[in-house]
Protein backbone atom coordinates (compact mmCIF):
# COMPACT_ATOMS: atom_id res chain seq x y z
CA MET A 1 90.73 104.04 81.12
CA LYS A 2 88.46 104.86 84.05
CA ILE A 3 87.23 101.92 86.11
CA THR A 4 83.94 102.56 87.89
CA ALA A 5 83.51 99.17 89.58
CA ILE A 6 84.96 95.70 89.93
CA VAL A 7 82.31 93.02 90.24
CA SER A 8 83.38 89.56 91.38
CA THR A 9 81.36 86.49 90.47
CA LEU A 10 80.94 83.58 92.88
CA GLN A 11 79.97 80.18 91.50
CA VAL A 12 77.13 78.46 93.35
CA HIS A 13 75.16 75.24 92.99
CA ASN A 14 71.80 76.53 94.19
CA LEU A 15 71.00 80.15 93.44
CA ASP A 16 68.04 80.42 95.85
CA THR A 17 69.99 78.88 98.75
CA SER A 18 72.88 81.25 98.11
CA ILE A 19 70.62 84.28 97.87
CA ALA A 20 69.02 83.29 101.19
CA PHE A 21 72.48 82.94 102.78
CA TYR A 22 73.71 86.35 101.59
CA THR A 23 70.48 88.13 102.51
CA LYS A 24 70.75 86.58 106.01
CA LEU A 25 74.20 88.20 106.20
CA GLY A 26 72.56 91.56 105.43
CA PHE A 27 73.09 91.87 101.69
CA ASP A 28 70.29 92.86 99.30
CA LEU A 29 69.22 91.02 96.18
CA GLU A 30 69.46 93.45 93.24
CA TRP A 31 68.27 91.16 90.46
CA LYS A 32 68.03 87.60 89.13
CA TRP A 33 68.38 86.75 85.44
CA PRO A 34 66.82 85.43 83.32
CA GLU A 35 63.34 85.72 84.77
CA ILE A 36 62.52 82.05 84.10
CA ASN A 37 65.01 79.56 85.57
CA PRO A 38 67.55 82.22 86.64
CA GLY A 39 71.23 81.41 86.47
CA HIS A 40 72.68 84.71 87.69
CA ALA A 41 71.97 87.14 90.53
CA SER A 42 73.46 90.35 91.84
CA ILE A 43 73.91 90.87 95.58
CA SER A 44 74.80 94.25 97.10
CA SER A 45 75.32 96.35 100.19
CA SER A 46 76.20 100.02 100.57
CA GLY A 47 76.69 100.45 96.83
CA TYR A 48 79.06 97.48 96.44
CA SER A 49 77.95 94.39 94.59
CA PHE A 50 79.01 90.94 93.47
CA MET A 51 77.31 88.35 91.32
CA LEU A 52 76.30 84.76 91.84
CA GLU A 53 76.49 82.33 88.92
CA LYS A 54 74.67 79.00 89.07
CA ILE A 55 76.77 76.07 87.91
CA ASP A 56 75.84 72.45 87.33
CA ASP A 57 75.86 70.21 90.43
CA SER A 58 78.55 68.04 88.82
CA GLN A 59 80.94 71.02 88.66
CA LYS A 60 83.15 72.04 91.55
CA PRO A 61 82.82 75.78 92.27
CA ASP A 62 85.96 77.88 91.88
CA LYS A 63 86.58 79.06 95.43
CA ALA A 64 86.71 82.78 96.08
CA ASP A 65 88.00 84.92 98.93
CA LEU A 66 86.25 88.24 99.49
CA TYR A 67 87.33 90.79 102.09
CA PHE A 68 84.67 93.29 103.16
CA ARG A 69 85.82 96.40 104.99
CA VAL A 70 83.00 97.30 107.34
CA GLU A 71 82.19 99.64 110.19
CA GLU A 72 81.42 98.30 113.68
CA VAL A 73 82.90 94.86 113.01
CA GLU A 74 82.39 93.75 116.62
CA GLN A 75 78.65 94.48 116.40
CA LEU A 76 78.43 92.72 113.04
CA HIS A 77 80.17 89.66 114.49
CA LYS A 78 77.68 89.64 117.38
CA ASN A 79 74.71 90.05 115.00
CA PHE A 80 75.88 87.11 112.85
CA LYS A 81 76.25 84.89 115.92
CA ASN A 82 72.80 85.95 117.18
CA ASN A 83 71.37 84.96 113.77
CA ASN A 84 72.92 81.47 114.02
CA ILE A 85 75.56 82.15 111.37
CA THR A 86 78.74 80.18 111.99
CA VAL A 87 81.59 82.67 112.30
CA ALA A 88 85.25 82.47 113.26
CA ASP A 89 86.42 84.37 116.33
CA LEU A 90 87.33 88.03 116.01
CA GLN A 91 91.08 88.46 115.60
CA LYS A 92 93.54 91.34 115.53
CA THR A 93 95.80 90.79 112.58
CA ALA A 94 99.43 91.72 111.96
CA TYR A 95 98.23 93.79 109.00
CA GLY A 96 96.27 96.17 111.25
CA MET A 97 92.73 94.81 111.00
CA LEU A 98 90.19 93.40 113.42
CA ASP A 99 88.32 90.77 111.46
CA PHE A 100 86.46 87.46 111.34
CA SER A 101 85.52 85.02 108.62
CA VAL A 102 82.45 83.14 107.40
CA GLN A 103 82.28 80.19 104.99
CA SER A 104 79.50 80.28 102.40
CA PRO A 105 77.48 77.15 101.56
CA ASN A 106 79.70 76.72 98.46
CA GLY A 107 82.98 77.10 100.35
CA HIS A 108 83.70 80.73 99.57
CA HIS A 109 85.76 82.47 102.26
CA LEU A 110 84.23 85.78 103.36
CA VAL A 111 86.13 88.03 105.75
CA PHE A 112 84.65 91.10 107.44
CA GLY A 113 87.03 93.57 109.04
CA GLN A 114 87.88 97.10 110.01
CA PRO A 115 91.19 98.83 110.72
CA SER A 116 92.37 98.29 114.29
CA GLY A 117 95.16 100.85 114.10
CA GLU A 118 97.72 98.29 115.23
CA TYR A 119 99.84 97.51 112.18
CA GLU A 120 102.89 95.32 112.84
CA GLY A 121 105.02 96.11 109.83
């Protein structure tokens, strides 16, 4: 077996609202499907992607945690704040990362971080 990608799927109530949120974070919309009344979308950045799946408003989305390893995390944190995105403070972690988190409109926990070189293990 040779795995070429792992693609997570996040459940959302409103596909267009979620696409707008992720594009504001800097992701690109790859596609929406089907063309009429889409229920799925693919979001990507730097060759990495995840999908959004529209669920009925009466359903509670399964919550997901995604960790994005990025470059220049401090600049990204600043950019998010300048774009009125609610972000947690930057933190140095015991596992050797400098990171911060963002909550999506559907309660998904998104963390953006880069190695800080200070592992406490």
